Amino acid sequence: MNDYLIKRIEPREYDFILDLNKANEEMLLPLDREKLDFFSQNAELFLIVYVDGIPAGFLIALRDGLEEYDIACYKWFCERYSKFLYVDRVVIDGKFRNRGLAWRLYRSVFDRARELGIDTVAAAVTSMPYNLPSMRLHYGLGFWEAGELLVRSGTVKVSQLATAIL
């Protein structure tokens, strides 16, 4: 692996985040600057990863109880878990996939959950259409399917995944 750096996303990096999200929108919710500002103010983790000084991916994670975040997948966990850290999205640029970057970002999530005394990390992964790379990542990290949701007017099925933090 080359040199990598994980740090908090800054506004000057928003264009990269927006472009990468847009390129992967079949598997993600749309994202705009307003929502990035919301995440900047409300996310527990708002991370970008660089490889050799080049932006390569990002991760956004939210705590439980964020009333103003009205997204079905997140609300599903709010209804079932009292404390959790929810990975809203993790995206790695195709040029940098299969280098362990998503795993490194998730290590930051697990470490933060332990620091906060949170024993559950949650995520939603598109299962129709099937997001094989993300499913492999999550199952490899110990996630299990806690439930399913139909979203986008019933056209997309999402696996609600959770893992216990020990």
N, C-alpha and C. Protein backbone atom coordinates (compact mmCIF):
# COMPACT_ATOMS: atom_id res chain seq x y z
N MET A 1 0.84 -1.19 0.00
CA MET A 1 0.00 0.00 0.00
C MET A 1 0.88 1.24 0.00
N ASN A 2 0.47 2.21 -0.70
CA ASN A 2 1.17 3.49 -0.73
C ASN A 2 0.85 4.28 0.54
N ASP A 3 1.38 5.48 0.65
CA ASP A 3 1.06 6.33 1.79
C ASP A 3 -0.41 6.73 1.73
N TYR A 4 -1.09 6.64 2.85
CA TYR A 4 -2.47 7.07 2.90
C TYR A 4 -2.69 7.96 4.11
N LEU A 5 -3.72 8.79 4.03
CA LEU A 5 -4.07 9.71 5.09
C LEU A 5 -5.58 9.74 5.19
N ILE A 6 -6.10 9.60 6.41
CA ILE A 6 -7.53 9.75 6.68
C ILE A 6 -7.70 10.99 7.54
N LYS A 7 -8.58 11.88 7.11
CA LYS A 7 -8.79 13.12 7.87
C LYS A 7 -10.23 13.59 7.66
N ARG A 8 -10.60 14.62 8.40
CA ARG A 8 -11.92 15.22 8.27
C ARG A 8 -12.05 15.92 6.91
N ILE A 9 -13.22 15.78 6.28
CA ILE A 9 -13.50 16.45 5.01
C ILE A 9 -13.59 17.95 5.25
N GLU A 10 -12.97 18.70 4.35
CA GLU A 10 -13.03 20.16 4.39
C GLU A 10 -13.83 20.66 3.18
N PRO A 11 -14.42 21.86 3.29
CA PRO A 11 -15.22 22.38 2.17
C PRO A 11 -14.49 22.39 0.83
N ARG A 12 -13.18 22.59 0.82
CA ARG A 12 -12.44 22.60 -0.45
C ARG A 12 -12.43 21.22 -1.12
N GLU A 13 -12.83 20.18 -0.39
CA GLU A 13 -12.87 18.81 -0.93
C GLU A 13 -14.28 18.40 -1.37
N TYR A 14 -15.24 19.31 -1.22
CA TYR A 14 -16.63 18.98 -1.55
C TYR A 14 -16.80 18.57 -3.01
N ASP A 15 -16.11 19.22 -3.93
CA ASP A 15 -16.27 18.85 -5.34
C ASP A 15 -15.90 17.39 -5.58
N PHE A 16 -14.81 16.94 -4.97
CA PHE A 16 -14.43 15.52 -5.10
C PHE A 16 -15.53 14.62 -4.53
N ILE A 17 -16.03 14.95 -3.35
CA ILE A 17 -17.06 14.14 -2.69
C ILE A 17 -18.31 14.09 -3.57
N LEU A 18 -18.75 15.23 -4.05
CA LEU A 18 -19.96 15.28 -4.88
C LEU A 18 -19.78 14.50 -6.18
N ASP A 19 -18.65 14.64 -6.83
CA ASP A 19 -18.40 13.92 -8.08
C ASP A 19 -18.35 12.41 -7.85
N LEU A 20 -17.68 11.99 -6.79
CA LEU A 20 -17.58 10.55 -6.51
C LEU A 20 -18.95 9.97 -6.14
N ASN A 21 -19.71 10.71 -5.34
CA ASN A 21 -21.05 10.25 -4.99
C ASN A 21 -21.91 10.13 -6.25
N LYS A 22 -21.85 11.15 -7.12
CA LYS A 22 -22.64 11.15 -8.36
C LYS A 22 -22.29 9.95 -9.24
N ALA A 23 -21.02 9.62 -9.32
CA ALA A 23 -20.57 8.48 -10.14
C ALA A 23 -21.08 7.15 -9.60
N ASN A 24 -21.50 7.13 -8.33
CA ASN A 24 -21.96 5.89 -7.70
C ASN A 24 -23.41 5.98 -7.24
N GLU A 25 -24.17 6.89 -7.83
CA GLU A 25 -25.53 7.18 -7.36
C GLU A 25 -26.50 6.03 -7.54
N GLU A 26 -26.20 5.07 -8.40
CA GLU A 26 -27.08 3.91 -8.52
C GLU A 26 -27.19 3.18 -7.19
N MET A 27 -26.12 3.24 -6.39
CA MET A 27 -26.08 2.53 -5.12
C MET A 27 -26.19 3.46 -3.91
N LEU A 28 -26.26 4.77 -4.14
CA LEU A 28 -26.25 5.76 -3.05
C LEU A 28 -27.39 6.75 -3.21
N LEU A 29 -27.70 7.43 -2.11
CA LEU A 29 -28.61 8.56 -2.19
C LEU A 29 -27.89 9.73 -2.82
N PRO A 30 -28.63 10.58 -3.54
CA PRO A 30 -28.01 11.79 -4.11
C PRO A 30 -27.44 12.67 -3.01
N LEU A 31 -26.49 13.51 -3.40
CA LEU A 31 -25.80 14.38 -2.46
C LEU A 31 -25.59 15.74 -3.11
N ASP A 32 -25.79 16.80 -2.34
CA ASP A 32 -25.52 18.15 -2.83
C ASP A 32 -24.78 18.93 -1.75
N ARG A 33 -24.40 20.15 -2.05
CA ARG A 33 -23.63 20.96 -1.10
C ARG A 33 -24.39 21.22 0.19
N GLU A 34 -25.68 21.44 0.08
CA GLU A 34 -26.49 21.67 1.28
C GLU A 34 -26.43 20.46 2.22
N LYS A 35 -26.56 19.27 1.65
CA LYS A 35 -26.50 18.06 2.47
C LYS A 35 -25.08 17.86 3.02
N LEU A 36 -24.07 18.20 2.24
CA LEU A 36 -22.70 18.12 2.76
C LEU A 36 -22.50 19.07 3.93
N ASP A 37 -23.07 20.26 3.86
CA ASP A 37 -23.00 21.19 4.99
C ASP A 37 -23.71 20.61 6.21
N PHE A 38 -24.86 19.97 5.98
CA PHE A 38 -25.58 19.31 7.07
C PHE A 38 -24.70 18.23 7.70
N PHE A 39 -24.10 17.39 6.86
CA PHE A 39 -23.22 16.33 7.39
C PHE A 39 -22.02 16.93 8.13
N SER A 40 -21.46 17.99 7.59
CA SER A 40 -20.31 18.63 8.24
C SER A 40 -20.66 19.05 9.67
N GLN A 41 -21.87 19.54 9.86
CA GLN A 41 -22.31 20.01 11.17
C GLN A 41 -22.81 18.89 12.07
N ASN A 42 -23.31 17.78 11.50
CA ASN A 42 -24.00 16.78 12.29
C ASN A 42 -23.38 15.39 12.31
N ALA A 43 -22.50 15.10 11.38
CA ALA A 43 -21.92 13.76 11.32
C ALA A 43 -20.93 13.53 12.45
N GLU A 44 -20.94 12.34 12.97
CA GLU A 44 -19.94 11.96 13.98
C GLU A 44 -18.59 11.77 13.31
N LEU A 45 -18.60 11.19 12.11
CA LEU A 45 -17.39 11.02 11.30
C LEU A 45 -17.68 11.54 9.90
N PHE A 46 -16.79 12.39 9.42
CA PHE A 46 -16.92 13.05 8.11
C PHE A 46 -15.53 12.99 7.51
N LEU A 47 -15.20 11.81 6.93
CA LEU A 47 -13.82 11.48 6.62
C LEU A 47 -13.54 11.35 5.13
N ILE A 48 -12.34 11.75 4.75
CA ILE A 48 -11.83 11.55 3.39
C ILE A 48 -10.52 10.79 3.52
N VAL A 49 -10.26 9.91 2.56
CA VAL A 49 -8.99 9.18 2.55
C VAL A 49 -8.21 9.59 1.30
N TYR A 50 -6.92 9.83 1.50
CA TYR A 50 -6.00 10.17 0.42
C TYR A 50 -4.99 9.05 0.26
N VAL A 51 -4.58 8.82 -0.99
CA VAL A 51 -3.49 7.90 -1.29
C VAL A 51 -2.44 8.70 -2.05
N ASP A 52 -1.25 8.77 -1.50
CA ASP A 52 -0.17 9.55 -2.12
C ASP A 52 -0.61 10.96 -2.48
N GLY A 53 -1.39 11.57 -1.59
CA GLY A 53 -1.83 12.95 -1.78
C GLY A 53 -3.02 13.12 -2.71
N ILE A 54 -3.58 12.03 -3.21
CA ILE A 54 -4.72 12.07 -4.13
C ILE A 54 -5.97 11.61 -3.40
N PRO A 55 -7.08 12.37 -3.45
CA PRO A 55 -8.30 11.91 -2.78
C PRO A 55 -8.79 10.61 -3.40
N ALA A 56 -9.13 9.65 -2.54
CA ALA A 56 -9.47 8.31 -3.03
C ALA A 56 -10.83 7.81 -2.56
N GLY A 57 -11.42 8.42 -1.55
CA GLY A 57 -12.71 7.96 -1.06
C GLY A 57 -13.14 8.74 0.16
N PHE A 58 -14.34 8.40 0.64
CA PHE A 58 -14.86 9.09 1.82
C PHE A 58 -15.84 8.21 2.58
N LEU A 59 -16.11 8.62 3.81
CA LEU A 59 -17.07 7.94 4.68
C LEU A 59 -17.77 8.99 5.53
N ILE A 60 -19.08 8.82 5.68
CA ILE A 60 -19.87 9.68 6.54
C ILE A 60 -20.66 8.80 7.49
N ALA A 61 -20.54 9.05 8.80
CA ALA A 61 -21.24 8.26 9.81
C ALA A 61 -21.96 9.19 10.79
N LEU A 62 -23.16 8.78 11.19
CA LEU A 62 -24.02 9.56 12.06
C LEU A 62 -24.33 8.81 13.34
N ARG A 63 -24.52 9.54 14.42
CA ARG A 63 -24.98 8.95 15.68
C ARG A 63 -26.48 8.73 15.63
N ASP A 64 -26.95 7.93 16.55
CA ASP A 64 -28.39 7.74 16.73
C ASP A 64 -29.03 9.04 17.18
N GLY A 65 -30.35 9.14 17.02
CA GLY A 65 -31.10 10.26 17.56
C GLY A 65 -31.05 11.57 16.80
N LEU A 66 -30.61 11.55 15.57
CA LEU A 66 -30.53 12.78 14.77
C LEU A 66 -31.90 13.00 14.11
N GLU A 67 -32.78 13.67 14.84
CA GLU A 67 -34.19 13.84 14.44
C GLU A 67 -34.35 14.44 13.04
N GLU A 68 -33.49 15.40 12.70
CA GLU A 68 -33.67 16.10 11.43
C GLU A 68 -33.18 15.32 10.21
N TYR A 69 -32.62 14.12 10.43
CA TYR A 69 -32.19 13.31 9.29
C TYR A 69 -33.30 12.32 8.97
N ASP A 70 -34.12 12.68 7.99
CA ASP A 70 -35.33 11.94 7.68
C ASP A 70 -35.12 10.99 6.50
N ILE A 71 -34.22 10.05 6.69
CA ILE A 71 -33.92 9.05 5.67
C ILE A 71 -34.40 7.69 6.19
N ALA A 72 -35.16 6.97 5.38
CA ALA A 72 -35.82 5.74 5.82
C ALA A 72 -34.85 4.73 6.43
N CYS A 73 -33.70 4.52 5.79
CA CYS A 73 -32.75 3.52 6.29
C CYS A 73 -32.24 3.89 7.68
N TYR A 74 -31.93 5.16 7.89
CA TYR A 74 -31.47 5.65 9.19
C TYR A 74 -32.59 5.55 10.22
N LYS A 75 -33.80 5.99 9.86
CA LYS A 75 -34.94 5.95 10.78
C LYS A 75 -35.26 4.51 11.20
N TRP A 76 -35.07 3.56 10.29
CA TRP A 76 -35.31 2.16 10.60
C TRP A 76 -34.46 1.74 11.80
N PHE A 77 -33.19 2.13 11.79
CA PHE A 77 -32.31 1.80 12.92
C PHE A 77 -32.72 2.56 14.18
N CYS A 78 -33.14 3.81 14.03
CA CYS A 78 -33.59 4.60 15.19
C CYS A 78 -34.76 3.92 15.90
N GLU A 79 -35.63 3.28 15.13
CA GLU A 79 -36.79 2.61 15.71
C GLU A 79 -36.43 1.31 16.42
N ARG A 80 -35.26 0.75 16.15
CA ARG A 80 -34.92 -0.57 16.67
C ARG A 80 -33.72 -0.60 17.62
N TYR A 81 -32.87 0.41 17.57
CA TYR A 81 -31.66 0.44 18.39
C TYR A 81 -31.60 1.77 19.14
N SER A 82 -31.25 1.70 20.41
CA SER A 82 -31.19 2.93 21.21
C SER A 82 -29.87 3.68 21.00
N LYS A 83 -28.79 2.94 20.77
CA LYS A 83 -27.48 3.56 20.53
C LYS A 83 -26.81 2.86 19.37
N PHE A 84 -26.38 3.64 18.40
CA PHE A 84 -25.67 3.07 17.26
C PHE A 84 -24.90 4.16 16.55
N LEU A 85 -23.97 3.75 15.73
CA LEU A 85 -23.26 4.62 14.82
C LEU A 85 -23.61 4.12 13.42
N TYR A 86 -24.20 4.99 12.60
CA TYR A 86 -24.72 4.61 11.30
C TYR A 86 -23.82 5.13 10.19
N VAL A 87 -23.29 4.22 9.38
CA VAL A 87 -22.48 4.62 8.23
C VAL A 87 -23.45 4.94 7.10
N ASP A 88 -23.59 6.22 6.83
CA ASP A 88 -24.52 6.69 5.81
C ASP A 88 -24.02 6.35 4.42
N ARG A 89 -22.71 6.45 4.23
CA ARG A 89 -22.11 6.09 2.95
C ARG A 89 -20.60 5.94 3.11
N VAL A 90 -20.08 4.98 2.39
CA VAL A 90 -18.63 4.80 2.25
C VAL A 90 -18.39 4.55 0.77
N VAL A 91 -17.54 5.37 0.15
CA VAL A 91 -17.33 5.29 -1.29
C VAL A 91 -15.83 5.39 -1.58
N ILE A 92 -15.34 4.46 -2.36
CA ILE A 92 -13.94 4.48 -2.79
C ILE A 92 -13.93 4.64 -4.31
N ASP A 93 -13.13 5.57 -4.81
CA ASP A 93 -12.96 5.78 -6.25
C ASP A 93 -12.48 4.46 -6.88
N GLY A 94 -13.04 4.12 -8.03
CA GLY A 94 -12.70 2.86 -8.71
C GLY A 94 -11.21 2.64 -8.91
N LYS A 95 -10.46 3.72 -9.12
CA LYS A 95 -9.01 3.59 -9.33
C LYS A 95 -8.28 3.12 -8.08
N PHE A 96 -8.95 3.22 -6.92
CA PHE A 96 -8.29 2.91 -5.65
C PHE A 96 -8.94 1.73 -4.92
N ARG A 97 -9.86 1.04 -5.57
CA ARG A 97 -10.54 -0.08 -4.91
C ARG A 97 -9.59 -1.27 -4.76
N ASN A 98 -9.96 -2.14 -3.84
CA ASN A 98 -9.20 -3.37 -3.54
C ASN A 98 -7.82 -3.07 -2.96
N ARG A 99 -7.72 -1.98 -2.23
CA ARG A 99 -6.47 -1.63 -1.55
C ARG A 99 -6.66 -1.55 -0.04
N GLY A 100 -7.85 -1.94 0.44
CA GLY A 100 -8.11 -1.91 1.88
C GLY A 100 -8.51 -0.55 2.42
N LEU A 101 -8.84 0.39 1.55
CA LEU A 101 -9.17 1.73 2.02
C LEU A 101 -10.50 1.77 2.78
N ALA A 102 -11.52 1.08 2.27
CA ALA A 102 -12.80 1.05 2.97
C ALA A 102 -12.64 0.39 4.33
N TRP A 103 -11.84 -0.65 4.38
CA TRP A 103 -11.57 -1.31 5.67
C TRP A 103 -10.90 -0.33 6.62
N ARG A 104 -9.96 0.46 6.16
CA ARG A 104 -9.29 1.45 7.01
C ARG A 104 -10.27 2.51 7.50
N LEU A 105 -11.16 2.96 6.63
CA LEU A 105 -12.17 3.91 7.05
C LEU A 105 -13.08 3.30 8.11
N TYR A 106 -13.46 2.05 7.90
CA TYR A 106 -14.31 1.38 8.89
C TYR A 106 -13.59 1.19 10.22
N ARG A 107 -12.31 1.01 10.19
CA ARG A 107 -11.56 0.91 11.45
C ARG A 107 -11.74 2.19 12.26
N SER A 108 -11.77 3.33 11.57
CA SER A 108 -12.03 4.60 12.25
C SER A 108 -13.43 4.61 12.88
N VAL A 109 -14.40 4.03 12.19
CA VAL A 109 -15.77 3.95 12.72
C VAL A 109 -15.79 3.09 13.97
N PHE A 110 -15.19 1.91 13.89
CA PHE A 110 -15.20 1.00 15.04
C PHE A 110 -14.47 1.62 16.24
N ASP A 111 -13.34 2.28 15.98
CA ASP A 111 -12.61 2.94 17.06
C ASP A 111 -13.45 4.03 17.71
N ARG A 112 -14.15 4.82 16.89
CA ARG A 112 -14.98 5.90 17.43
C ARG A 112 -16.16 5.32 18.22
N ALA A 113 -16.76 4.26 17.73
CA ALA A 113 -17.87 3.63 18.46
C ALA A 113 -17.39 3.18 19.85
N ARG A 114 -16.22 2.56 19.91
CA ARG A 114 -15.68 2.14 21.21
C ARG A 114 -15.46 3.34 22.13
N GLU A 115 -14.88 4.42 21.59
CA GLU A 115 -14.65 5.63 22.38
C GLU A 115 -15.95 6.18 22.97
N LEU A 116 -17.03 6.08 22.22
CA LEU A 116 -18.32 6.61 22.64
C LEU A 116 -19.13 5.62 23.47
N GLY A 117 -18.65 4.38 23.60
CA GLY A 117 -19.40 3.36 24.33
C GLY A 117 -20.60 2.84 23.56
N ILE A 118 -20.52 2.91 22.24
CA ILE A 118 -21.59 2.42 21.37
C ILE A 118 -21.24 1.00 20.93
N ASP A 119 -22.19 0.07 21.08
CA ASP A 119 -21.88 -1.33 20.77
C ASP A 119 -22.44 -1.82 19.44
N THR A 120 -23.09 -0.93 18.66
CA THR A 120 -23.63 -1.34 17.37
C THR A 120 -23.24 -0.33 16.29
N VAL A 121 -22.71 -0.86 15.19
CA VAL A 121 -22.48 -0.05 14.00
C VAL A 121 -23.45 -0.57 12.94
N ALA A 122 -24.13 0.35 12.26
CA ALA A 122 -25.15 0.01 11.29
C ALA A 122 -24.82 0.61 9.93
N ALA A 123 -25.36 -0.01 8.89
CA ALA A 123 -25.19 0.48 7.53
C ALA A 123 -26.33 -0.06 6.68
N ALA A 124 -26.62 0.60 5.59
CA ALA A 124 -27.60 0.13 4.62
C ALA A 124 -26.89 -0.06 3.29
N VAL A 125 -27.07 -1.24 2.70
CA VAL A 125 -26.40 -1.55 1.43
C VAL A 125 -27.45 -2.00 0.42
N THR A 126 -27.38 -1.43 -0.75
CA THR A 126 -28.31 -1.78 -1.82
C THR A 126 -28.17 -3.27 -2.16
N SER A 127 -29.31 -3.97 -2.09
CA SER A 127 -29.29 -5.39 -2.43
C SER A 127 -30.07 -5.70 -3.70
N MET A 128 -30.81 -4.71 -4.23
CA MET A 128 -31.46 -4.82 -5.53
C MET A 128 -31.51 -3.43 -6.14
N PRO A 129 -30.61 -3.07 -7.05
CA PRO A 129 -29.57 -3.93 -7.63
C PRO A 129 -28.50 -4.29 -6.59
N TYR A 130 -27.93 -5.45 -6.78
CA TYR A 130 -27.02 -6.02 -5.79
C TYR A 130 -25.65 -5.35 -5.84
N ASN A 131 -25.25 -4.81 -4.71
CA ASN A 131 -23.95 -4.13 -4.60
C ASN A 131 -22.94 -5.13 -4.02
N LEU A 132 -22.44 -6.00 -4.87
CA LEU A 132 -21.55 -7.07 -4.43
C LEU A 132 -20.32 -6.58 -3.70
N PRO A 133 -19.58 -5.57 -4.20
CA PRO A 133 -18.39 -5.13 -3.47
C PRO A 133 -18.71 -4.66 -2.05
N SER A 134 -19.79 -3.91 -1.91
CA SER A 134 -20.15 -3.42 -0.58
C SER A 134 -20.62 -4.56 0.33
N MET A 135 -21.38 -5.48 -0.22
CA MET A 135 -21.82 -6.64 0.59
C MET A 135 -20.61 -7.45 1.06
N ARG A 136 -19.66 -7.70 0.18
CA ARG A 136 -18.45 -8.43 0.57
C ARG A 136 -17.70 -7.70 1.69
N LEU A 137 -17.54 -6.40 1.52
CA LEU A 137 -16.88 -5.60 2.54
C LEU A 137 -17.58 -5.75 3.88
N HIS A 138 -18.88 -5.51 3.90
CA HIS A 138 -19.61 -5.50 5.16
C HIS A 138 -19.65 -6.89 5.81
N TYR A 139 -19.92 -7.92 5.03
CA TYR A 139 -19.92 -9.26 5.62
C TYR A 139 -18.52 -9.63 6.11
N GLY A 140 -17.49 -9.21 5.39
CA GLY A 140 -16.12 -9.46 5.82
C GLY A 140 -15.76 -8.74 7.11
N LEU A 141 -16.47 -7.64 7.41
CA LEU A 141 -16.24 -6.90 8.65
C LEU A 141 -17.13 -7.39 9.79
N GLY A 142 -17.91 -8.43 9.54
CA GLY A 142 -18.73 -9.01 10.60
C GLY A 142 -20.16 -8.51 10.66
N PHE A 143 -20.61 -7.78 9.66
CA PHE A 143 -21.99 -7.33 9.62
C PHE A 143 -22.92 -8.50 9.30
N TRP A 144 -24.16 -8.40 9.75
CA TRP A 144 -25.21 -9.35 9.41
C TRP A 144 -26.44 -8.56 8.99
N GLU A 145 -27.35 -9.23 8.28
CA GLU A 145 -28.55 -8.54 7.85
C GLU A 145 -29.56 -8.51 8.99
N ALA A 146 -29.90 -7.31 9.42
CA ALA A 146 -30.87 -7.12 10.50
C ALA A 146 -32.28 -6.91 9.95
N GLY A 147 -32.39 -6.64 8.66
CA GLY A 147 -33.69 -6.42 8.03
C GLY A 147 -33.52 -5.92 6.61
N GLU A 148 -34.66 -5.67 5.97
CA GLU A 148 -34.67 -5.16 4.59
C GLU A 148 -35.69 -4.04 4.47
N LEU A 149 -35.45 -3.16 3.52
CA LEU A 149 -36.37 -2.06 3.22
C LEU A 149 -36.49 -1.91 1.72
N LEU A 150 -37.65 -1.49 1.27
CA LEU A 150 -37.82 -1.06 -0.12
C LEU A 150 -37.84 0.46 -0.09
N VAL A 151 -37.03 1.09 -0.95
CA VAL A 151 -36.92 2.54 -1.00
C VAL A 151 -37.08 3.00 -2.45
N ARG A 152 -37.00 4.30 -2.67
CA ARG A 152 -37.16 4.90 -4.00
C ARG A 152 -38.43 4.36 -4.68
N SER A 153 -39.54 4.55 -3.99
CA SER A 153 -40.87 4.13 -4.49
C SER A 153 -40.91 2.63 -4.78
N GLY A 154 -40.19 1.85 -3.99
CA GLY A 154 -40.21 0.39 -4.13
C GLY A 154 -39.34 -0.15 -5.23
N THR A 155 -38.50 0.67 -5.84
CA THR A 155 -37.67 0.21 -6.96
C THR A 155 -36.29 -0.29 -6.51
N VAL A 156 -35.92 -0.01 -5.26
CA VAL A 156 -34.61 -0.41 -4.76
C VAL A 156 -34.81 -1.12 -3.42
N LYS A 157 -34.15 -2.27 -3.27
CA LYS A 157 -34.18 -2.99 -2.00
C LYS A 157 -32.85 -2.76 -1.29
N VAL A 158 -32.94 -2.52 0.01
CA VAL A 158 -31.76 -2.23 0.82
C VAL A 158 -31.68 -3.23 1.96
N SER A 159 -30.50 -3.79 2.15
CA SER A 159 -30.24 -4.65 3.31
C SER A 159 -29.78 -3.76 4.46
N GLN A 160 -30.47 -3.87 5.57
CA GLN A 160 -30.11 -3.14 6.78
C GLN A 160 -29.12 -4.01 7.55
N LEU A 161 -27.89 -3.57 7.62
CA LEU A 161 -26.80 -4.37 8.20
C LEU A 161 -26.37 -3.80 9.53
N ALA A 162 -25.95 -4.69 10.43
CA ALA A 162 -25.46 -4.27 11.74
C ALA A 162 -24.33 -5.19 12.16
N THR A 163 -23.48 -4.68 13.03
CA THR A 163 -22.43 -5.49 13.64
C THR A 163 -22.23 -5.02 15.06
N ALA A 164 -21.84 -5.94 15.90
CA ALA A 164 -21.58 -5.64 17.30
C ALA A 164 -20.14 -5.22 17.48
N ILE A 165 -19.92 -4.20 18.29
CA ILE A 165 -18.59 -3.73 18.60
C ILE A 165 -18.21 -4.30 19.95
N LEU A 166 -17.12 -5.00 19.99
CA LEU A 166 -16.68 -5.63 21.24
C LEU A 166 -15.57 -4.84 21.88
